[in-house]
PDB file of all heavy atoms in Angstrom:
ATOM      1  N   LEU A   1      -4.462  15.673   4.073  1.00  0.00           N
ATOM      2  CA  LEU A   1      -5.245  14.887   4.949  1.00  0.00           C
ATOM      3  C   LEU A   1      -4.536  13.513   5.018  1.00  0.00           C
ATOM      4  O   LEU A   1      -4.295  12.834   4.021  1.00  0.00           O
ATOM      5  CB  LEU A   1      -6.619  14.676   4.414  1.00  0.00           C
ATOM      6  CG  LEU A   1      -7.474  15.869   4.286  1.00  0.00           C
ATOM      7  CD1 LEU A   1      -8.846  15.548   3.620  1.00  0.00           C
ATOM      8  CD2 LEU A   1      -7.619  16.620   5.557  1.00  0.00           C
ATOM      9  N   THR A   2      -4.031  13.103   6.224  1.00  0.00           N
ATOM     10  CA  THR A   2      -3.025  12.040   6.325  1.00  0.00           C
ATOM     11  C   THR A   2      -3.689  10.749   6.711  1.00  0.00           C
ATOM     12  O   THR A   2      -4.897  10.732   6.950  1.00  0.00           O
ATOM     13  CB  THR A   2      -1.943  12.390   7.283  1.00  0.00           C
ATOM     14  OG1 THR A   2      -2.547  12.531   8.601  1.00  0.00           O
ATOM     15  CG2 THR A   2      -1.244  13.750   6.956  1.00  0.00           C
ATOM     16  N   ALA A   3      -2.907   9.713   6.833  1.00  0.00           N
ATOM     17  CA  ALA A   3      -3.364   8.375   7.296  1.00  0.00           C
ATOM     18  C   ALA A   3      -2.121   7.670   7.909  1.00  0.00           C
ATOM     19  O   ALA A   3      -0.971   8.097   7.567  1.00  0.00           O
ATOM     20  CB  ALA A   3      -3.916   7.612   6.105  1.00  0.00           C
ATOM     21  N   PRO A   4      -2.393   6.630   8.697  1.00  0.00           N
ATOM     22  CA  PRO A   4      -1.170   5.836   9.098  1.00  0.00           C
ATOM     23  C   PRO A   4      -0.282   5.400   7.964  1.00  0.00           C
ATOM     24  O   PRO A   4      -0.890   4.867   6.990  1.00  0.00           O
ATOM     25  CB  PRO A   4      -1.822   4.687   9.899  1.00  0.00           C
ATOM     26  CG  PRO A   4      -3.143   5.250  10.319  1.00  0.00           C
ATOM     27  CD  PRO A   4      -3.583   6.174   9.214  1.00  0.00           C
ATOM     28  N   GLY A   5       0.937   5.643   8.019  1.00  0.00           N
ATOM     29  CA  GLY A   5       1.813   5.297   6.896  1.00  0.00           C
ATOM     30  C   GLY A   5       1.910   6.252   5.868  1.00  0.00           C
ATOM     31  O   GLY A   5       2.741   6.206   4.934  1.00  0.00           O
ATOM     32  N   ALA A   6       1.129   7.306   5.897  1.00  0.00           N
ATOM     33  CA  ALA A   6       1.145   8.514   5.046  1.00  0.00           C
ATOM     34  C   ALA A   6       0.916   9.797   5.791  1.00  0.00           C
ATOM     35  O   ALA A   6       0.014  10.502   5.509  1.00  0.00           O
ATOM     36  CB  ALA A   6       0.173   8.321   3.933  1.00  0.00           C
ATOM     37  N   GLY A   7       1.859   9.974   6.785  1.00  0.00           N
ATOM     38  CA  GLY A   7       1.698  11.130   7.621  1.00  0.00           C
ATOM     39  C   GLY A   7       2.853  12.111   7.678  1.00  0.00           C
ATOM     40  O   GLY A   7       3.572  12.195   6.600  1.00  0.00           O
ATOM     41  N   PRO A   8       2.989  12.860   8.642  1.00  0.00           N
ATOM     42  CA  PRO A   8       4.061  13.963   8.650  1.00  0.00           C
ATOM     43  C   PRO A   8       5.388  13.372   8.426  1.00  0.00           C
ATOM     44  O   PRO A   8       6.223  13.990   7.685  1.00  0.00           O
ATOM     45  CB  PRO A   8       3.978  14.596  10.006  1.00  0.00           C
ATOM     46  CG  PRO A   8       2.563  14.255  10.505  1.00  0.00           C
ATOM     47  CD  PRO A   8       2.188  12.906   9.944  1.00  0.00           C
ATOM     48  N   ALA A   9       5.765  12.203   9.085  1.00  0.00           N
ATOM     49  CA  ALA A   9       7.137  11.690   8.838  1.00  0.00           C
ATOM     50  C   ALA A   9       7.319  11.288   7.378  1.00  0.00           C
ATOM     51  O   ALA A   9       8.411  11.600   6.827  1.00  0.00           O
ATOM     52  CB  ALA A   9       7.323  10.511   9.781  1.00  0.00           C
ATOM     53  N   GLU A  10       6.331  10.567   6.764  1.00  0.00           N
ATOM     54  CA  GLU A  10       6.550  10.144   5.365  1.00  0.00           C
ATOM     55  C   GLU A  10       6.579  11.419   4.395  1.00  0.00           C
ATOM     56  O   GLU A  10       7.438  11.434   3.447  1.00  0.00           O
ATOM     57  CB  GLU A  10       5.423   9.216   5.034  1.00  0.00           C
ATOM     58  CG  GLU A  10       5.451   7.899   5.609  1.00  0.00           C
ATOM     59  CD  GLU A  10       4.970   7.845   7.101  1.00  0.00           C
ATOM     60  OE1 GLU A  10       4.361   8.955   7.521  1.00  0.00           O
ATOM     61  OE2 GLU A  10       5.138   6.833   7.740  1.00  0.00           O
ATOM     62  N   LEU A  11       5.785  12.422   4.659  1.00  0.00           N
ATOM     63  CA  LEU A  11       5.876  13.591   3.913  1.00  0.00           C
ATOM     64  C   LEU A  11       7.178  14.262   4.074  1.00  0.00           C
ATOM     65  O   LEU A  11       7.835  14.787   3.132  1.00  0.00           O
ATOM     66  CB  LEU A  11       4.794  14.613   4.344  1.00  0.00           C
ATOM     67  CG  LEU A  11       3.388  14.450   3.730  1.00  0.00           C
ATOM     68  CD1 LEU A  11       2.400  15.391   4.482  1.00  0.00           C
ATOM     69  CD2 LEU A  11       3.350  14.827   2.266  1.00  0.00           C
ATOM     70  N   GLY A  12       7.746  14.267   5.263  1.00  0.00           N
ATOM     71  CA  GLY A  12       9.011  14.977   5.523  1.00  0.00           C
ATOM     72  C   GLY A  12      10.143  14.239   4.739  1.00  0.00           C
ATOM     73  O   GLY A  12      10.977  14.917   4.219  1.00  0.00           O
ATOM     74  N   ARG A  13      10.094  12.952   4.833  1.00  0.00           N
ATOM     75  CA  ARG A  13      11.159  12.149   4.121  1.00  0.00           C
ATOM     76  C   ARG A  13      11.091  12.462   2.624  1.00  0.00           C
ATOM     77  O   ARG A  13      12.120  12.588   1.949  1.00  0.00           O
ATOM     78  CB  ARG A  13      11.006  10.678   4.326  1.00  0.00           C
ATOM     79  CG  ARG A  13      11.641  10.308   5.667  1.00  0.00           C
ATOM     80  CD  ARG A  13      11.817   8.805   5.763  1.00  0.00           C
ATOM     81  NE  ARG A  13      10.400   8.193   6.058  1.00  0.00           N
ATOM     82  CZ  ARG A  13       9.947   8.023   7.280  1.00  0.00           C
ATOM     83  NH1 ARG A  13      10.622   8.406   8.315  1.00  0.00           N
ATOM     84  NH2 ARG A  13       8.730   7.347   7.427  1.00  0.00           N
ATOM     85  N   ALA A  14       9.854  12.565   2.056  1.00  0.00           N
ATOM     86  CA  ALA A  14       9.746  12.773   0.630  1.00  0.00           C
ATOM     87  C   ALA A  14      10.162  14.188   0.196  1.00  0.00           C
ATOM     88  O   ALA A  14      10.709  14.380  -0.906  1.00  0.00           O
ATOM     89  CB  ALA A  14       8.353  12.447   0.147  1.00  0.00           C
ATOM     90  N   LEU A  15       9.942  15.129   1.066  1.00  0.00           N
ATOM     91  CA  LEU A  15      10.237  16.602   0.647  1.00  0.00           C
ATOM     92  C   LEU A  15      11.550  17.077   1.074  1.00  0.00           C
ATOM     93  O   LEU A  15      12.054  17.980   0.390  1.00  0.00           O
ATOM     94  CB  LEU A  15       9.160  17.466   1.322  1.00  0.00           C
ATOM     95  CG  LEU A  15       7.720  17.395   0.766  1.00  0.00           C
ATOM     96  CD1 LEU A  15       6.739  18.119   1.592  1.00  0.00           C
ATOM     97  CD2 LEU A  15       7.662  17.766  -0.677  1.00  0.00           C
ATOM     98  N   PHE A  16      12.163  16.480   2.107  1.00  0.00           N
ATOM     99  CA  PHE A  16      13.461  16.888   2.487  1.00  0.00           C
ATOM    100  C   PHE A  16      14.500  16.680   1.465  1.00  0.00           C
ATOM    101  O   PHE A  16      14.490  15.562   0.846  1.00  0.00           O
ATOM    102  CB  PHE A  16      13.906  16.161   3.825  1.00  0.00           C
ATOM    103  CG  PHE A  16      15.262  16.624   4.341  1.00  0.00           C
ATOM    104  CD1 PHE A  16      15.426  17.814   4.924  1.00  0.00           C
ATOM    105  CD2 PHE A  16      16.328  15.769   4.135  1.00  0.00           C
ATOM    106  CE1 PHE A  16      16.735  18.090   5.448  1.00  0.00           C
ATOM    107  CE2 PHE A  16      17.620  16.091   4.621  1.00  0.00           C
ATOM    108  CZ  PHE A  16      17.803  17.227   5.216  1.00  0.00           C
ATOM    109  N   PRO A  17      15.408  17.597   1.055  1.00  0.00           N
ATOM    110  CA  PRO A  17      15.666  18.830   1.757  1.00  0.00           C
ATOM    111  C   PRO A  17      15.063  20.015   0.911  1.00  0.00           C
ATOM    112  O   PRO A  17      15.770  21.005   0.824  1.00  0.00           O
ATOM    113  CB  PRO A  17      17.218  18.842   1.673  1.00  0.00           C
ATOM    114  CG  PRO A  17      17.564  18.312   0.281  1.00  0.00           C
ATOM    115  CD  PRO A  17      16.496  17.254   0.103  1.00  0.00           C
ATOM    116  N   GLN A  18      13.916  19.903   0.382  1.00  0.00           N
ATOM    117  CA  GLN A  18      13.317  21.010  -0.338  1.00  0.00           C
ATOM    118  C   GLN A  18      13.111  22.181   0.680  1.00  0.00           C
ATOM    119  O   GLN A  18      12.715  21.842   1.800  1.00  0.00           O
ATOM    120  CB  GLN A  18      11.991  20.602  -0.931  1.00  0.00           C
ATOM    121  CG  GLN A  18      12.115  19.645  -2.112  1.00  0.00           C
ATOM    122  CD  GLN A  18      10.788  19.399  -2.803  1.00  0.00           C
ATOM    123  OE1 GLN A  18       9.908  18.805  -2.156  1.00  0.00           O
ATOM    124  NE2 GLN A  18      10.548  19.747  -4.016  1.00  0.00           N
ATOM    125  N   HIS A  19      13.280  23.306   0.179  1.00  0.00           N
ATOM    126  CA  HIS A  19      13.018  24.468   0.984  1.00  0.00           C
ATOM    127  C   HIS A  19      12.758  25.639   0.161  1.00  0.00           C
ATOM    128  O   HIS A  19      13.111  25.632  -1.017  1.00  0.00           O
ATOM    129  CB  HIS A  19      14.300  24.692   1.867  1.00  0.00           C
ATOM    130  CG  HIS A  19      15.512  25.029   1.099  1.00  0.00           C
ATOM    131  ND1 HIS A  19      16.338  24.087   0.539  1.00  0.00           N
ATOM    132  CD2 HIS A  19      16.135  26.244   0.731  1.00  0.00           C
ATOM    133  CE1 HIS A  19      17.287  24.613  -0.100  1.00  0.00           C
ATOM    134  NE2 HIS A  19      17.217  25.870   0.063  1.00  0.00           N
ATOM    135  N   PRO A  20      12.148  26.751   0.690  1.00  0.00           N
ATOM    136  CA  PRO A  20      11.657  26.769   2.014  1.00  0.00           C
ATOM    137  C   PRO A  20      10.266  26.062   2.178  1.00  0.00           C
ATOM    138  O   PRO A  20       9.417  26.288   1.285  1.00  0.00           O
ATOM    139  CB  PRO A  20      11.589  28.296   2.280  1.00  0.00           C
ATOM    140  CG  PRO A  20      11.305  28.871   0.920  1.00  0.00           C
ATOM    141  CD  PRO A  20      11.973  27.963  -0.057  1.00  0.00           C
ATOM    142  N   ARG A  21      10.189  25.265   3.178  1.00  0.00           N
ATOM    143  CA  ARG A  21       8.921  24.604   3.475  1.00  0.00           C
ATOM    144  C   ARG A  21       8.764  24.502   4.958  1.00  0.00           C
ATOM    145  O   ARG A  21       9.732  24.231   5.683  1.00  0.00           O
ATOM    146  CB  ARG A  21       8.863  23.173   2.926  1.00  0.00           C
ATOM    147  CG  ARG A  21       8.558  23.141   1.462  1.00  0.00           C
ATOM    148  CD  ARG A  21       7.167  23.584   1.121  1.00  0.00           C
ATOM    149  NE  ARG A  21       6.801  23.406  -0.240  1.00  0.00           N
ATOM    150  CZ  ARG A  21       6.873  24.349  -1.163  1.00  0.00           C
ATOM    151  NH1 ARG A  21       7.471  25.450  -0.893  1.00  0.00           N
ATOM    152  NH2 ARG A  21       6.478  24.127  -2.423  1.00  0.00           N
ATOM    153  N   THR A  22       7.593  24.854   5.486  1.00  0.00           N
ATOM    154  CA  THR A  22       7.293  24.696   6.864  1.00  0.00           C
ATOM    155  C   THR A  22       6.033  23.801   7.005  1.00  0.00           C
ATOM    156  O   THR A  22       5.093  23.899   6.274  1.00  0.00           O
ATOM    157  CB  THR A  22       6.929  26.089   7.470  1.00  0.00           C
ATOM    158  OG1 THR A  22       8.036  27.010   7.401  1.00  0.00           O
ATOM    159  CG2 THR A  22       6.545  25.967   8.959  1.00  0.00           C
ATOM    160  N   PHE A  23       6.189  22.855   7.984  1.00  0.00           N
ATOM    161  CA  PHE A  23       5.065  21.986   8.332  1.00  0.00           C
ATOM    162  C   PHE A  23       4.284  22.617   9.490  1.00  0.00           C
ATOM    163  O   PHE A  23       4.865  23.025  10.443  1.00  0.00           O
ATOM    164  CB  PHE A  23       5.500  20.652   8.735  1.00  0.00           C
ATOM    165  CG  PHE A  23       5.811  19.667   7.569  1.00  0.00           C
ATOM    166  CD1 PHE A  23       5.960  20.176   6.282  1.00  0.00           C
ATOM    167  CD2 PHE A  23       6.105  18.408   7.800  1.00  0.00           C
ATOM    168  CE1 PHE A  23       6.261  19.324   5.204  1.00  0.00           C
ATOM    169  CE2 PHE A  23       6.475  17.501   6.733  1.00  0.00           C
ATOM    170  CZ  PHE A  23       6.530  18.036   5.467  1.00  0.00           C
ATOM    171  N   VAL A  24       2.994  22.661   9.423  1.00  0.00           N
ATOM    172  CA  VAL A  24       2.177  22.849  10.626  1.00  0.00           C
ATOM    173  C   VAL A  24       1.341  21.520  10.800  1.00  0.00           C
ATOM    174  O   VAL A  24       0.454  21.287  10.032  1.00  0.00           O
ATOM    175  CB  VAL A  24       1.181  24.107  10.418  1.00  0.00           C
ATOM    176  CG1 VAL A  24       0.352  24.267  11.681  1.00  0.00           C
ATOM    177  CG2 VAL A  24       1.921  25.313  10.099  1.00  0.00           C
ATOM    178  N   VAL A  25       1.743  20.747  11.737  1.00  0.00           N
ATOM    179  CA  VAL A  25       1.130  19.448  12.103  1.00  0.00           C
ATOM    180  C   VAL A  25       0.050  19.678  13.104  1.00  0.00           C
ATOM    181  O   VAL A  25       0.367  20.128  14.203  1.00  0.00           O
ATOM    182  CB  VAL A  25       2.169  18.436  12.473  1.00  0.00           C
ATOM    183  CG1 VAL A  25       1.523  17.088  12.688  1.00  0.00           C
ATOM    184  CG2 VAL A  25       3.312  18.305  11.452  1.00  0.00           C
ATOM    185  N   CYS A  26      -1.170  19.347  12.817  1.00  0.00           N
ATOM    186  CA  CYS A  26      -2.340  19.518  13.739  1.00  0.00           C
ATOM    187  C   CYS A  26      -2.780  18.142  14.079  1.00  0.00           C
ATOM    188  O   CYS A  26      -3.521  17.476  13.315  1.00  0.00           O
ATOM    189  CB  CYS A  26      -3.411  20.383  13.066  1.00  0.00           C
ATOM    190  SG  CYS A  26      -2.835  21.998  12.489  1.00  0.00           S
ATOM    191  N   GLU A  27      -2.594  17.762  15.354  1.00  0.00           N
ATOM    192  CA  GLU A  27      -3.041  16.458  15.786  1.00  0.00           C
ATOM    193  C   GLU A  27      -4.242  16.556  16.702  1.00  0.00           C
ATOM    194  O   GLU A  27      -4.436  17.428  17.416  1.00  0.00           O
ATOM    195  CB  GLU A  27      -1.904  15.844  16.662  1.00  0.00           C
ATOM    196  CG  GLU A  27      -0.594  15.706  16.018  1.00  0.00           C
ATOM    197  CD  GLU A  27       0.489  15.229  17.036  1.00  0.00           C
ATOM    198  OE1 GLU A  27       0.671  15.851  18.002  1.00  0.00           O
ATOM    199  OE2 GLU A  27       1.186  14.197  16.678  1.00  0.00           O
ATOM    200  N   ASP A  28      -5.174  15.569  16.414  1.00  0.00           N
ATOM    201  CA  ASP A  28      -6.400  15.373  17.272  1.00  0.00           C
ATOM    202  C   ASP A  28      -7.192  16.750  17.395  1.00  0.00           C
ATOM    203  O   ASP A  28      -7.419  17.211  18.542  1.00  0.00           O
ATOM    204  CB  ASP A  28      -6.065  14.873  18.657  1.00  0.00           C
ATOM    205  CG  ASP A  28      -7.320  14.405  19.454  1.00  0.00           C
ATOM    206  OD1 ASP A  28      -8.348  14.084  18.769  1.00  0.00           O
ATOM    207  OD2 ASP A  28      -7.270  14.479  20.621  1.00  0.00           O
TER     208      ASP A  28
END
């Protein structure tokens, strides 16, 4: 459950280049 400043982009920066990982981003 995200928030402004703690969303998909911030998660991606923290986890890259870990793999295998897939994001399913569900907006609105």
